């Protein structure tokens, strides 16, 4: 039977990309790595954008090439996003994930506290903005909060706890930015509807060209 997950409506969305460094002094200020992959940029294949004076910048994406980057060939799905529930490194999220994550039954009780396994990484999400409908995979955690289970898994369209970045509740990749027709290339003024979706229910589209299947890669783990 097809699983139906609740919609989260009109959520402020920002844009992030593999290789971005927006605050060298912040623990979560670099996308060279993700919470699930300490070598995210290397595994992805490089800067998900364009290098300007050796700095990784984002770029406008179009349907002409499936919203893929113009200057590199990704090894993982360029349709990625994050949500504020880090079930690997955040102790509160890790301790509660078997209780709050709807698909937690896929993980055995013996592995409930195993930080080498994530219930969030690679999970599919459906996103809408106006007439645009796109799909992406969770590959990082944020923005701003890391155990906001009430919002992420809530069934009553709860608002994000985060108050940074315009109160954003989701970050999307440049591919999703283009696919969703965002007005801003890198801002806080766009809103989306989103919900989880099972892999078997994801339709054909450019997000299916490369599907990320890698697991947690943590050099300290």
N, C-alpha and C. Protein backbone atom coordinates (compact mmCIF):
# COMPACT_ATOMS: atom_id res chain seq x y z
N UNK A 1 0.84 -1.20 0.00
CA UNK A 1 0.00 0.00 0.00
C UNK A 1 0.88 1.25 0.00
N UNK A 2 0.49 2.24 -0.79
CA UNK A 2 1.26 3.47 -0.90
C UNK A 2 1.19 4.28 0.39
N UNK A 3 2.36 4.67 0.91
CA UNK A 3 2.41 5.49 2.11
C UNK A 3 2.11 6.93 1.74
N UNK A 4 1.33 7.61 2.58
CA UNK A 4 1.01 9.01 2.36
C UNK A 4 1.54 9.83 3.54
N UNK A 5 2.40 10.77 3.23
CA UNK A 5 3.00 11.62 4.26
C UNK A 5 2.37 13.01 4.18
N UNK A 6 2.29 13.72 5.31
CA UNK A 6 1.64 15.03 5.32
C UNK A 6 2.46 16.11 4.63
N UNK A 7 1.76 17.09 4.07
CA UNK A 7 2.40 18.25 3.45
C UNK A 7 2.80 19.27 4.50
N UNK A 8 3.91 19.93 4.25
CA UNK A 8 4.35 21.09 5.02
C UNK A 8 4.27 22.26 4.04
N UNK A 9 3.42 23.22 4.32
CA UNK A 9 3.07 24.23 3.32
C UNK A 9 3.72 25.59 3.57
N UNK A 10 4.11 26.21 2.46
CA UNK A 10 4.66 27.56 2.44
C UNK A 10 5.82 27.71 3.43
N UNK A 11 6.78 26.85 3.26
CA UNK A 11 7.98 26.86 4.10
C UNK A 11 9.06 27.70 3.43
N UNK A 12 9.63 28.63 4.17
CA UNK A 12 10.73 29.43 3.64
C UNK A 12 11.89 28.51 3.27
N UNK A 13 12.39 28.69 2.06
CA UNK A 13 13.49 27.84 1.58
C UNK A 13 14.68 28.70 1.17
N UNK A 14 15.85 28.26 1.59
CA UNK A 14 17.08 28.86 1.10
C UNK A 14 17.76 27.86 0.16
N UNK A 15 18.83 28.31 -0.47
CA UNK A 15 19.56 27.46 -1.42
C UNK A 15 20.99 27.24 -0.91
N UNK A 16 21.46 26.02 -1.00
CA UNK A 16 22.84 25.69 -0.64
C UNK A 16 23.39 24.76 -1.70
N UNK A 17 24.69 24.57 -1.71
CA UNK A 17 25.28 23.73 -2.75
C UNK A 17 26.58 23.11 -2.25
N UNK A 18 26.87 21.94 -2.77
CA UNK A 18 28.11 21.25 -2.42
C UNK A 18 29.30 22.13 -2.80
N UNK A 19 30.17 22.38 -1.81
CA UNK A 19 31.34 23.21 -2.03
C UNK A 19 31.19 24.63 -1.55
N UNK A 20 29.98 25.01 -1.16
CA UNK A 20 29.74 26.37 -0.65
C UNK A 20 30.38 26.54 0.72
N UNK A 21 31.01 27.69 0.94
CA UNK A 21 31.52 28.08 2.25
C UNK A 21 30.98 29.48 2.52
N UNK A 22 30.00 29.58 3.43
CA UNK A 22 29.40 30.90 3.65
C UNK A 22 29.78 31.50 5.00
N UNK A 23 30.38 30.71 5.89
CA UNK A 23 30.84 31.25 7.18
C UNK A 23 31.93 30.33 7.72
N UNK A 24 33.18 30.71 7.52
CA UNK A 24 34.29 29.85 7.93
C UNK A 24 34.36 29.70 9.44
N UNK A 25 33.73 30.59 10.19
CA UNK A 25 33.79 30.52 11.65
C UNK A 25 32.68 29.72 12.29
N UNK A 26 31.72 29.25 11.48
CA UNK A 26 30.58 28.51 12.02
C UNK A 26 30.76 27.02 11.81
N UNK A 27 30.32 26.24 12.80
CA UNK A 27 30.44 24.79 12.69
C UNK A 27 29.66 24.24 11.51
N UNK A 28 28.55 24.92 11.15
CA UNK A 28 27.73 24.47 10.03
C UNK A 28 27.84 25.42 8.84
N UNK A 29 28.98 26.12 8.72
CA UNK A 29 29.13 27.14 7.69
C UNK A 29 29.77 26.68 6.40
N UNK A 30 30.00 25.38 6.25
CA UNK A 30 30.64 24.88 5.04
C UNK A 30 29.88 23.69 4.48
N UNK A 31 29.70 23.68 3.17
CA UNK A 31 29.08 22.54 2.50
C UNK A 31 30.11 21.70 1.76
N UNK A 32 31.37 21.88 2.12
CA UNK A 32 32.40 20.98 1.61
C UNK A 32 32.15 19.59 2.16
N UNK A 33 31.58 19.56 3.35
CA UNK A 33 31.17 18.30 3.98
C UNK A 33 29.71 18.45 4.41
N UNK A 34 29.04 17.34 4.66
CA UNK A 34 27.68 17.36 5.19
C UNK A 34 27.68 16.62 6.52
N UNK A 35 26.57 16.68 7.21
CA UNK A 35 26.50 15.99 8.50
C UNK A 35 26.61 14.48 8.33
N UNK A 36 26.30 13.99 7.13
CA UNK A 36 26.35 12.55 6.88
C UNK A 36 27.59 12.11 6.11
N UNK A 37 28.37 13.07 5.60
CA UNK A 37 29.50 12.72 4.75
C UNK A 37 30.61 13.74 4.94
N UNK A 38 31.69 13.31 5.59
CA UNK A 38 32.82 14.21 5.85
C UNK A 38 33.63 14.51 4.59
N UNK A 39 33.34 13.84 3.51
CA UNK A 39 34.01 14.11 2.23
C UNK A 39 32.96 14.32 1.15
N UNK A 40 31.94 15.09 1.47
CA UNK A 40 30.81 15.27 0.57
C UNK A 40 31.23 15.81 -0.79
N UNK A 41 32.04 16.85 -0.80
CA UNK A 41 32.43 17.45 -2.07
C UNK A 41 33.21 16.46 -2.93
N UNK A 42 34.11 15.71 -2.33
CA UNK A 42 34.89 14.72 -3.10
C UNK A 42 33.99 13.62 -3.64
N UNK A 43 33.11 13.11 -2.79
CA UNK A 43 32.21 12.04 -3.24
C UNK A 43 31.21 12.53 -4.28
N UNK A 44 30.80 13.79 -4.17
CA UNK A 44 29.84 14.34 -5.13
C UNK A 44 30.50 14.55 -6.50
N UNK A 45 31.79 14.86 -6.47
CA UNK A 45 32.51 15.06 -7.72
C UNK A 45 33.10 16.44 -7.89
N UNK A 46 32.95 17.28 -6.86
CA UNK A 46 33.50 18.62 -6.93
C UNK A 46 32.49 19.69 -6.59
N UNK A 47 32.82 20.91 -6.91
CA UNK A 47 31.95 22.07 -6.66
C UNK A 47 30.69 21.96 -7.51
N UNK A 48 29.53 22.00 -6.87
CA UNK A 48 28.25 21.92 -7.57
C UNK A 48 27.86 23.32 -8.06
N UNK A 49 28.68 23.85 -8.96
CA UNK A 49 28.45 25.20 -9.46
C UNK A 49 29.61 25.62 -10.33
N UNK A 50 30.09 26.82 -10.13
CA UNK A 50 31.21 27.34 -10.90
C UNK A 50 32.26 27.91 -9.95
N UNK A 51 33.52 27.72 -10.30
CA UNK A 51 34.61 28.26 -9.51
C UNK A 51 34.96 29.66 -10.00
N UNK A 52 34.90 30.62 -9.09
CA UNK A 52 35.26 32.00 -9.38
C UNK A 52 36.38 32.39 -8.43
N UNK A 53 37.59 32.56 -8.98
CA UNK A 53 38.77 32.83 -8.16
C UNK A 53 38.92 31.77 -7.07
N UNK A 54 38.71 30.51 -7.45
CA UNK A 54 38.84 29.34 -6.60
C UNK A 54 37.76 29.26 -5.51
N UNK A 55 36.71 30.07 -5.63
CA UNK A 55 35.59 30.03 -4.70
C UNK A 55 34.40 29.40 -5.41
N UNK A 56 33.75 28.43 -4.76
CA UNK A 56 32.61 27.72 -5.35
C UNK A 56 31.35 28.58 -5.26
N UNK A 57 30.85 29.00 -6.42
CA UNK A 57 29.65 29.83 -6.50
C UNK A 57 28.50 29.05 -7.12
N UNK A 58 27.29 29.45 -6.81
CA UNK A 58 26.14 28.82 -7.44
C UNK A 58 25.91 29.42 -8.82
N UNK A 59 24.99 28.83 -9.56
CA UNK A 59 24.68 29.27 -10.92
C UNK A 59 23.22 28.98 -11.22
N UNK A 60 22.67 29.73 -12.16
CA UNK A 60 21.30 29.50 -12.58
C UNK A 60 21.21 28.17 -13.32
N UNK A 61 20.21 27.35 -13.01
CA UNK A 61 20.00 26.07 -13.68
C UNK A 61 18.74 26.12 -14.55
N UNK A 62 18.76 25.41 -15.66
CA UNK A 62 17.63 25.44 -16.58
C UNK A 62 17.23 24.02 -16.97
N UNK A 63 16.03 23.92 -17.54
CA UNK A 63 15.50 22.63 -17.97
C UNK A 63 16.25 22.09 -19.18
N UNK A 64 16.99 22.93 -19.88
CA UNK A 64 17.67 22.52 -21.11
C UNK A 64 18.59 21.33 -20.89
N UNK A 65 19.23 21.27 -19.72
CA UNK A 65 20.10 20.12 -19.42
C UNK A 65 19.66 19.41 -18.15
N UNK A 66 18.36 19.46 -17.86
CA UNK A 66 17.83 18.76 -16.70
C UNK A 66 18.22 19.38 -15.38
N UNK A 67 18.56 20.68 -15.39
CA UNK A 67 18.94 21.43 -14.19
C UNK A 67 20.28 20.96 -13.61
N UNK A 68 21.05 20.27 -14.42
CA UNK A 68 22.37 19.79 -13.98
C UNK A 68 23.39 20.93 -14.02
N UNK A 69 24.48 20.81 -13.27
CA UNK A 69 25.54 21.83 -13.33
C UNK A 69 26.15 21.89 -14.73
N UNK A 70 26.65 23.07 -15.08
CA UNK A 70 27.17 23.27 -16.43
C UNK A 70 28.65 23.00 -16.56
N UNK A 71 29.37 22.96 -15.43
CA UNK A 71 30.83 22.88 -15.50
C UNK A 71 31.42 21.63 -14.87
N UNK A 72 30.59 20.71 -14.42
CA UNK A 72 31.10 19.48 -13.82
C UNK A 72 30.07 18.38 -13.98
N UNK A 73 30.51 17.13 -13.81
CA UNK A 73 29.63 15.97 -13.90
C UNK A 73 29.48 15.37 -12.51
N UNK A 74 28.32 15.52 -11.89
CA UNK A 74 28.14 14.99 -10.53
C UNK A 74 28.14 13.47 -10.50
N UNK A 75 28.66 12.94 -9.41
CA UNK A 75 28.64 11.50 -9.19
C UNK A 75 27.45 11.08 -8.35
N UNK A 76 26.81 12.07 -7.73
CA UNK A 76 25.63 11.81 -6.91
C UNK A 76 24.50 12.73 -7.38
N UNK A 77 23.32 12.48 -6.90
CA UNK A 77 22.13 13.20 -7.33
C UNK A 77 22.24 14.71 -7.06
N UNK A 78 22.17 15.55 -8.10
CA UNK A 78 22.21 17.00 -7.87
C UNK A 78 20.91 17.56 -7.31
N UNK A 79 19.88 16.74 -7.24
CA UNK A 79 18.61 17.15 -6.63
C UNK A 79 18.64 16.72 -5.16
N UNK A 80 19.27 17.56 -4.34
CA UNK A 80 19.41 17.23 -2.92
C UNK A 80 18.87 18.38 -2.07
N UNK A 81 18.70 18.10 -0.78
CA UNK A 81 18.15 19.08 0.14
C UNK A 81 18.54 18.72 1.56
N UNK A 82 18.24 19.61 2.49
CA UNK A 82 18.40 19.25 3.89
C UNK A 82 17.14 19.59 4.67
N UNK A 83 16.99 18.94 5.81
CA UNK A 83 15.90 19.18 6.74
C UNK A 83 16.48 19.17 8.14
N UNK A 84 15.87 19.90 9.08
CA UNK A 84 16.47 20.06 10.42
C UNK A 84 16.27 18.88 11.36
N UNK A 85 16.80 17.73 10.94
CA UNK A 85 16.78 16.56 11.82
C UNK A 85 17.99 15.70 11.47
N UNK A 86 19.04 15.82 12.28
CA UNK A 86 20.30 15.10 12.10
C UNK A 86 20.28 13.87 12.98
N UNK A 87 19.91 12.74 12.41
CA UNK A 87 19.73 11.52 13.20
C UNK A 87 21.02 10.74 13.41
N UNK A 88 22.16 11.34 13.09
CA UNK A 88 23.46 10.69 13.28
C UNK A 88 24.30 11.40 14.32
N UNK A 89 24.44 12.72 14.19
CA UNK A 89 25.34 13.47 15.06
C UNK A 89 24.66 14.24 16.19
N UNK A 90 23.38 14.53 16.04
CA UNK A 90 22.66 15.22 17.10
C UNK A 90 22.14 14.19 18.10
N UNK A 91 22.56 14.26 19.37
CA UNK A 91 22.18 13.22 20.33
C UNK A 91 20.68 13.12 20.58
N UNK A 92 19.98 14.24 20.54
CA UNK A 92 18.53 14.21 20.77
C UNK A 92 17.83 13.53 19.60
N UNK A 93 18.22 13.88 18.38
CA UNK A 93 17.62 13.26 17.20
C UNK A 93 17.94 11.77 17.13
N UNK A 94 19.20 11.44 17.44
CA UNK A 94 19.60 10.03 17.42
C UNK A 94 18.80 9.21 18.42
N UNK A 95 18.61 9.75 19.61
CA UNK A 95 17.89 9.02 20.65
C UNK A 95 16.40 8.87 20.36
N UNK A 96 15.85 9.78 19.56
CA UNK A 96 14.40 9.77 19.33
C UNK A 96 14.00 9.23 17.97
N UNK A 97 14.96 8.94 17.11
CA UNK A 97 14.60 8.64 15.73
C UNK A 97 13.72 7.40 15.57
N UNK A 98 13.92 6.39 16.38
CA UNK A 98 13.10 5.18 16.25
C UNK A 98 11.65 5.45 16.63
N UNK A 99 11.44 6.51 17.38
CA UNK A 99 10.08 6.87 17.81
C UNK A 99 9.41 7.84 16.87
N UNK A 100 10.17 8.76 16.27
CA UNK A 100 9.54 9.84 15.51
C UNK A 100 9.61 9.67 13.99
N UNK A 101 10.60 8.95 13.48
CA UNK A 101 10.73 8.80 12.03
C UNK A 101 9.71 7.78 11.54
N UNK A 102 8.82 8.13 10.62
CA UNK A 102 7.74 7.22 10.22
C UNK A 102 8.20 5.88 9.66
N UNK A 103 9.35 5.87 8.99
CA UNK A 103 9.84 4.62 8.39
C UNK A 103 10.91 3.94 9.25
N UNK A 104 10.93 4.25 10.54
CA UNK A 104 11.96 3.70 11.43
C UNK A 104 11.89 2.18 11.53
N UNK A 105 10.75 1.60 11.22
CA UNK A 105 10.61 0.15 11.28
C UNK A 105 11.53 -0.59 10.33
N UNK A 106 12.12 0.14 9.37
CA UNK A 106 13.06 -0.49 8.44
C UNK A 106 14.40 -0.79 9.10
N UNK A 107 14.64 -0.16 10.26
CA UNK A 107 15.91 -0.34 10.96
C UNK A 107 15.68 -1.24 12.17
N UNK A 108 16.51 -2.24 12.32
CA UNK A 108 16.35 -3.16 13.43
C UNK A 108 16.64 -2.46 14.75
N UNK A 109 16.04 -2.95 15.82
CA UNK A 109 16.25 -2.38 17.15
C UNK A 109 17.72 -2.43 17.55
N UNK A 110 18.41 -3.44 17.07
CA UNK A 110 19.82 -3.60 17.42
C UNK A 110 20.67 -2.48 16.84
N UNK A 111 20.17 -1.83 15.78
CA UNK A 111 20.94 -0.77 15.12
C UNK A 111 20.34 0.62 15.41
N UNK A 112 19.46 0.69 16.36
CA UNK A 112 18.76 1.94 16.66
C UNK A 112 19.70 3.08 17.01
N UNK A 113 20.81 2.78 17.68
CA UNK A 113 21.77 3.81 18.08
C UNK A 113 23.06 3.76 17.26
N UNK A 114 23.03 3.04 16.15
CA UNK A 114 24.21 2.89 15.30
C UNK A 114 24.39 4.15 14.45
N UNK A 115 25.42 4.93 14.73
CA UNK A 115 25.67 6.17 14.01
C UNK A 115 26.25 5.96 12.61
N UNK A 116 26.47 4.73 12.26
CA UNK A 116 26.92 4.43 10.90
C UNK A 116 25.74 4.30 9.94
N UNK A 117 24.54 4.41 10.49
CA UNK A 117 23.32 4.28 9.70
C UNK A 117 22.43 5.50 9.92
N UNK A 118 21.91 6.06 8.85
CA UNK A 118 20.98 7.18 8.95
C UNK A 118 19.63 6.79 8.37
N UNK A 119 18.58 7.22 9.04
CA UNK A 119 17.22 7.04 8.53
C UNK A 119 16.82 8.19 7.62
N UNK A 120 17.61 9.25 7.61
CA UNK A 120 17.28 10.45 6.84
C UNK A 120 18.05 10.52 5.51
N UNK A 121 19.32 10.17 5.52
CA UNK A 121 20.13 10.30 4.31
C UNK A 121 19.53 9.49 3.16
N UNK A 122 19.41 10.13 2.02
CA UNK A 122 18.90 9.55 0.77
C UNK A 122 17.38 9.44 0.72
N UNK A 123 16.69 9.81 1.80
CA UNK A 123 15.23 9.77 1.77
C UNK A 123 14.69 10.75 0.73
N UNK A 124 13.67 10.33 0.01
CA UNK A 124 13.09 11.17 -1.04
C UNK A 124 12.06 12.15 -0.47
N UNK A 125 11.99 13.31 -1.11
CA UNK A 125 11.06 14.36 -0.74
C UNK A 125 10.42 14.91 -2.01
N UNK A 126 9.14 15.15 -1.96
CA UNK A 126 8.43 15.82 -3.05
C UNK A 126 8.28 17.30 -2.69
N UNK A 127 8.53 18.18 -3.66
CA UNK A 127 8.44 19.61 -3.42
C UNK A 127 7.56 20.27 -4.48
N UNK A 128 6.80 21.29 -4.05
CA UNK A 128 5.95 22.02 -4.96
C UNK A 128 6.15 23.52 -4.77
N UNK A 129 6.10 24.24 -5.86
CA UNK A 129 6.04 25.70 -5.81
C UNK A 129 5.22 26.15 -7.00
N UNK A 130 4.00 26.63 -6.73
CA UNK A 130 3.10 26.96 -7.82
C UNK A 130 2.82 25.74 -8.67
N UNK A 131 3.06 25.85 -9.98
CA UNK A 131 2.82 24.73 -10.89
C UNK A 131 4.02 23.79 -10.99
N UNK A 132 5.11 24.13 -10.30
CA UNK A 132 6.33 23.32 -10.35
C UNK A 132 6.25 22.17 -9.35
N UNK A 133 6.66 20.99 -9.79
CA UNK A 133 6.68 19.79 -8.93
C UNK A 133 7.98 19.06 -9.19
N UNK A 134 8.78 18.89 -8.15
CA UNK A 134 10.11 18.30 -8.28
C UNK A 134 10.36 17.34 -7.12
N UNK A 135 11.41 16.55 -7.24
CA UNK A 135 11.76 15.57 -6.22
C UNK A 135 13.25 15.65 -5.92
N UNK A 136 13.62 15.38 -4.66
CA UNK A 136 15.02 15.39 -4.28
C UNK A 136 15.27 14.46 -3.11
N UNK A 137 16.54 14.30 -2.78
CA UNK A 137 16.95 13.41 -1.68
C UNK A 137 17.60 14.20 -0.56
N UNK A 138 17.33 13.80 0.67
CA UNK A 138 17.95 14.42 1.84
C UNK A 138 19.42 14.00 1.90
N UNK A 139 20.33 14.98 1.93
CA UNK A 139 21.76 14.68 1.99
C UNK A 139 22.50 15.49 3.06
N UNK A 140 21.78 16.29 3.83
CA UNK A 140 22.40 17.07 4.89
C UNK A 140 21.30 17.41 5.90
N UNK A 141 21.69 18.10 6.97
CA UNK A 141 20.71 18.51 7.99
C UNK A 141 20.79 20.02 8.21
N UNK A 142 19.68 20.61 8.54
CA UNK A 142 19.56 22.04 8.76
C UNK A 142 18.28 22.52 8.08
N UNK A 143 18.09 23.80 7.99
CA UNK A 143 18.96 24.89 8.44
C UNK A 143 18.71 25.28 9.89
N UNK A 144 19.79 25.61 10.57
CA UNK A 144 19.71 26.21 11.90
C UNK A 144 19.46 25.29 13.07
N UNK A 145 18.61 24.27 12.89
CA UNK A 145 18.25 23.34 13.96
C UNK A 145 18.55 21.92 13.51
N UNK A 146 18.66 21.01 14.50
CA UNK A 146 19.09 19.66 14.14
C UNK A 146 18.29 18.55 14.82
N UNK A 147 17.26 18.90 15.57
CA UNK A 147 16.35 17.87 16.11
C UNK A 147 14.92 18.40 16.18
N UNK A 148 14.51 19.09 15.14
CA UNK A 148 13.17 19.68 15.10
C UNK A 148 12.15 18.66 14.61
N UNK A 149 11.95 17.63 15.41
CA UNK A 149 11.05 16.54 15.04
C UNK A 149 9.60 17.02 14.92
N UNK A 150 9.22 17.98 15.74
CA UNK A 150 7.83 18.47 15.73
C UNK A 150 7.47 19.01 14.35
N UNK A 151 8.38 19.74 13.76
CA UNK A 151 8.15 20.28 12.41
C UNK A 151 8.36 19.22 11.34
N UNK A 152 9.49 18.54 11.35
CA UNK A 152 9.85 17.63 10.26
C UNK A 152 8.88 16.47 10.12
N UNK A 153 8.42 15.92 11.24
CA UNK A 153 7.54 14.75 11.19
C UNK A 153 6.12 15.05 11.67
N UNK A 154 5.83 16.31 11.95
CA UNK A 154 4.50 16.68 12.42
C UNK A 154 3.43 16.46 11.37
N UNK A 155 2.22 16.23 11.82
CA UNK A 155 1.10 15.94 10.93
C UNK A 155 0.11 17.11 10.85
N UNK A 156 0.43 18.21 11.52
CA UNK A 156 -0.49 19.36 11.55
C UNK A 156 0.15 20.61 10.97
N UNK A 157 1.06 20.42 10.04
CA UNK A 157 1.71 21.54 9.35
C UNK A 157 2.37 22.51 10.31
N UNK A 158 3.09 21.96 11.29
CA UNK A 158 3.79 22.80 12.27
C UNK A 158 4.87 23.63 11.59
N UNK A 159 5.17 24.78 12.17
CA UNK A 159 6.18 25.69 11.64
C UNK A 159 7.58 25.31 12.14
N UNK A 160 8.62 25.60 11.36
CA UNK A 160 9.99 25.30 11.81
C UNK A 160 10.35 26.06 13.07
N UNK A 161 11.17 25.45 13.91
CA UNK A 161 11.65 26.12 15.12
C UNK A 161 12.74 27.14 14.79
N UNK A 162 13.42 26.95 13.68
CA UNK A 162 14.51 27.84 13.28
C UNK A 162 14.02 29.27 13.07
N UNK A 163 14.83 30.23 13.51
CA UNK A 163 14.51 31.64 13.28
C UNK A 163 15.60 32.33 12.44
N UNK A 164 16.65 31.62 12.12
CA UNK A 164 17.71 32.18 11.27
C UNK A 164 17.30 32.07 9.80
N UNK A 165 17.99 32.84 8.96
CA UNK A 165 17.78 32.77 7.51
C UNK A 165 16.31 32.97 7.12
N UNK A 166 15.68 33.94 7.77
CA UNK A 166 14.29 34.22 7.45
C UNK A 166 13.32 33.18 7.96
N UNK A 167 13.77 32.37 8.94
CA UNK A 167 12.90 31.31 9.47
C UNK A 167 12.82 30.11 8.54
N UNK A 168 13.87 29.89 7.74
CA UNK A 168 13.86 28.80 6.77
C UNK A 168 13.70 27.44 7.43
N UNK A 169 12.97 26.56 6.75
CA UNK A 169 12.76 25.20 7.24
C UNK A 169 13.30 24.15 6.31
N UNK A 170 13.98 24.58 5.24
CA UNK A 170 14.53 23.64 4.27
C UNK A 170 15.56 24.39 3.43
N UNK A 171 16.63 23.70 3.04
CA UNK A 171 17.59 24.19 2.06
C UNK A 171 17.48 23.30 0.84
N UNK A 172 17.54 23.88 -0.35
CA UNK A 172 17.49 23.07 -1.57
C UNK A 172 18.71 23.35 -2.43
N UNK A 173 19.05 22.39 -3.26
CA UNK A 173 20.21 22.49 -4.15
C UNK A 173 19.92 23.41 -5.32
N UNK A 174 20.96 23.82 -6.07
CA UNK A 174 20.74 24.63 -7.27
C UNK A 174 19.82 23.94 -8.28
N UNK A 175 19.91 22.62 -8.41
CA UNK A 175 19.03 21.90 -9.33
C UNK A 175 17.58 22.06 -8.92
N UNK A 176 17.29 21.93 -7.63
CA UNK A 176 15.93 22.10 -7.16
C UNK A 176 15.50 23.56 -7.23
N UNK A 177 16.42 24.48 -6.98
CA UNK A 177 16.14 25.90 -7.13
C UNK A 177 15.63 26.19 -8.54
N UNK A 178 16.32 25.66 -9.55
CA UNK A 178 15.90 25.87 -10.93
C UNK A 178 14.63 25.14 -11.27
N UNK A 179 14.52 23.90 -10.85
CA UNK A 179 13.35 23.08 -11.14
C UNK A 179 12.08 23.69 -10.54
N UNK A 180 12.21 24.27 -9.36
CA UNK A 180 11.06 24.86 -8.68
C UNK A 180 10.78 26.29 -9.14
N UNK A 181 11.63 26.83 -10.01
CA UNK A 181 11.42 28.17 -10.52
C UNK A 181 11.57 29.26 -9.48
N UNK A 182 12.56 29.10 -8.60
CA UNK A 182 12.78 30.12 -7.57
C UNK A 182 13.06 31.48 -8.22
N UNK A 183 12.57 32.52 -7.58
CA UNK A 183 12.85 33.89 -8.04
C UNK A 183 14.26 34.30 -7.67
N UNK A 184 14.78 33.77 -6.58
CA UNK A 184 16.09 34.17 -6.08
C UNK A 184 17.09 33.04 -6.25
N UNK A 185 18.27 33.37 -6.75
CA UNK A 185 19.31 32.37 -6.95
C UNK A 185 19.90 31.92 -5.62
N UNK A 186 19.97 32.84 -4.67
CA UNK A 186 20.52 32.51 -3.36
C UNK A 186 19.94 33.49 -2.34
N UNK A 187 18.70 33.26 -1.94
CA UNK A 187 18.04 34.19 -1.03
C UNK A 187 17.14 33.50 -0.04
N UNK A 188 16.26 34.29 0.57
CA UNK A 188 15.35 33.78 1.60
C UNK A 188 13.91 34.12 1.29
N UNK A 189 13.62 34.46 0.04
CA UNK A 189 12.30 34.95 -0.30
C UNK A 189 11.37 33.94 -0.94
N UNK A 190 11.86 32.72 -1.20
CA UNK A 190 11.01 31.71 -1.85
C UNK A 190 10.45 30.73 -0.82
N UNK A 191 9.24 30.26 -1.09
CA UNK A 191 8.57 29.30 -0.21
C UNK A 191 8.15 28.07 -1.01
N UNK A 192 8.16 26.93 -0.33
CA UNK A 192 7.79 25.67 -0.98
C UNK A 192 6.84 24.88 -0.09
N UNK A 193 6.12 23.97 -0.72
CA UNK A 193 5.42 22.91 0.00
C UNK A 193 6.27 21.66 -0.16
N UNK A 194 6.34 20.85 0.88
CA UNK A 194 7.12 19.62 0.75
C UNK A 194 6.51 18.51 1.59
N UNK A 195 6.81 17.27 1.20
CA UNK A 195 6.43 16.10 1.98
C UNK A 195 7.38 14.96 1.63
N UNK A 196 7.53 14.03 2.55
CA UNK A 196 8.31 12.84 2.27
C UNK A 196 7.57 11.96 1.27
N UNK A 197 8.32 11.15 0.54
CA UNK A 197 7.73 10.20 -0.39
C UNK A 197 8.64 8.99 -0.45
N UNK A 198 8.07 7.82 -0.59
CA UNK A 198 8.87 6.60 -0.70
C UNK A 198 9.49 6.50 -2.09
N UNK A 199 10.65 5.87 -2.16
CA UNK A 199 11.40 5.77 -3.41
C UNK A 199 10.57 5.18 -4.54
N UNK A 200 9.76 4.18 -4.23
CA UNK A 200 8.97 3.52 -5.27
C UNK A 200 7.90 4.41 -5.87
N UNK A 201 7.60 5.52 -5.20
CA UNK A 201 6.56 6.43 -5.68
C UNK A 201 7.13 7.68 -6.36
N UNK A 202 8.44 7.71 -6.54
CA UNK A 202 9.07 8.85 -7.20
C UNK A 202 8.97 8.66 -8.71
N UNK A 203 8.35 9.59 -9.44
CA UNK A 203 8.18 9.43 -10.88
C UNK A 203 9.47 9.67 -11.65
N UNK A 204 9.44 9.35 -12.92
CA UNK A 204 10.58 9.61 -13.79
C UNK A 204 10.82 11.11 -13.89
N UNK A 205 12.07 11.49 -14.06
CA UNK A 205 12.43 12.89 -14.16
C UNK A 205 13.94 13.02 -14.06
N UNK A 206 14.47 14.22 -14.20
CA UNK A 206 15.93 14.40 -14.13
C UNK A 206 16.51 14.00 -12.79
N UNK A 207 15.70 14.01 -11.73
CA UNK A 207 16.14 13.59 -10.40
C UNK A 207 16.38 12.09 -10.33
N UNK A 208 15.96 11.35 -11.34
CA UNK A 208 16.17 9.90 -11.39
C UNK A 208 17.41 9.52 -12.20
N UNK A 209 18.04 10.50 -12.84
CA UNK A 209 19.20 10.20 -13.69
C UNK A 209 20.34 9.62 -12.86
N UNK A 210 20.62 10.22 -11.72
CA UNK A 210 21.60 9.69 -10.77
C UNK A 210 20.93 9.66 -9.41
N UNK A 211 20.84 8.50 -8.81
CA UNK A 211 20.23 8.36 -7.48
C UNK A 211 21.33 8.09 -6.47
N UNK A 212 21.39 8.89 -5.41
CA UNK A 212 22.41 8.70 -4.39
C UNK A 212 22.03 7.52 -3.49
N UNK A 213 22.96 6.59 -3.34
CA UNK A 213 22.74 5.40 -2.51
C UNK A 213 23.81 5.26 -1.44
N UNK A 214 24.79 6.14 -1.42
CA UNK A 214 25.89 6.04 -0.44
C UNK A 214 25.38 6.20 0.98
N UNK A 215 26.05 5.56 1.92
CA UNK A 215 25.68 5.66 3.31
C UNK A 215 26.47 6.72 4.05
N UNK A 216 26.39 6.69 5.36
CA UNK A 216 27.11 7.64 6.20
C UNK A 216 28.61 7.40 6.04
N UNK A 217 29.35 8.49 5.86
CA UNK A 217 30.81 8.40 5.76
C UNK A 217 31.40 9.42 6.72
N UNK A 218 31.85 8.95 7.85
CA UNK A 218 32.35 9.82 8.90
C UNK A 218 33.74 9.37 9.28
N UNK A 219 34.73 10.23 9.08
CA UNK A 219 36.13 9.83 9.33
C UNK A 219 36.40 9.56 10.81
N UNK A 220 35.54 10.09 11.67
CA UNK A 220 35.73 9.87 13.11
C UNK A 220 34.94 8.67 13.60
N UNK A 221 34.09 8.13 12.72
CA UNK A 221 33.22 7.04 13.14
C UNK A 221 33.83 5.67 12.90
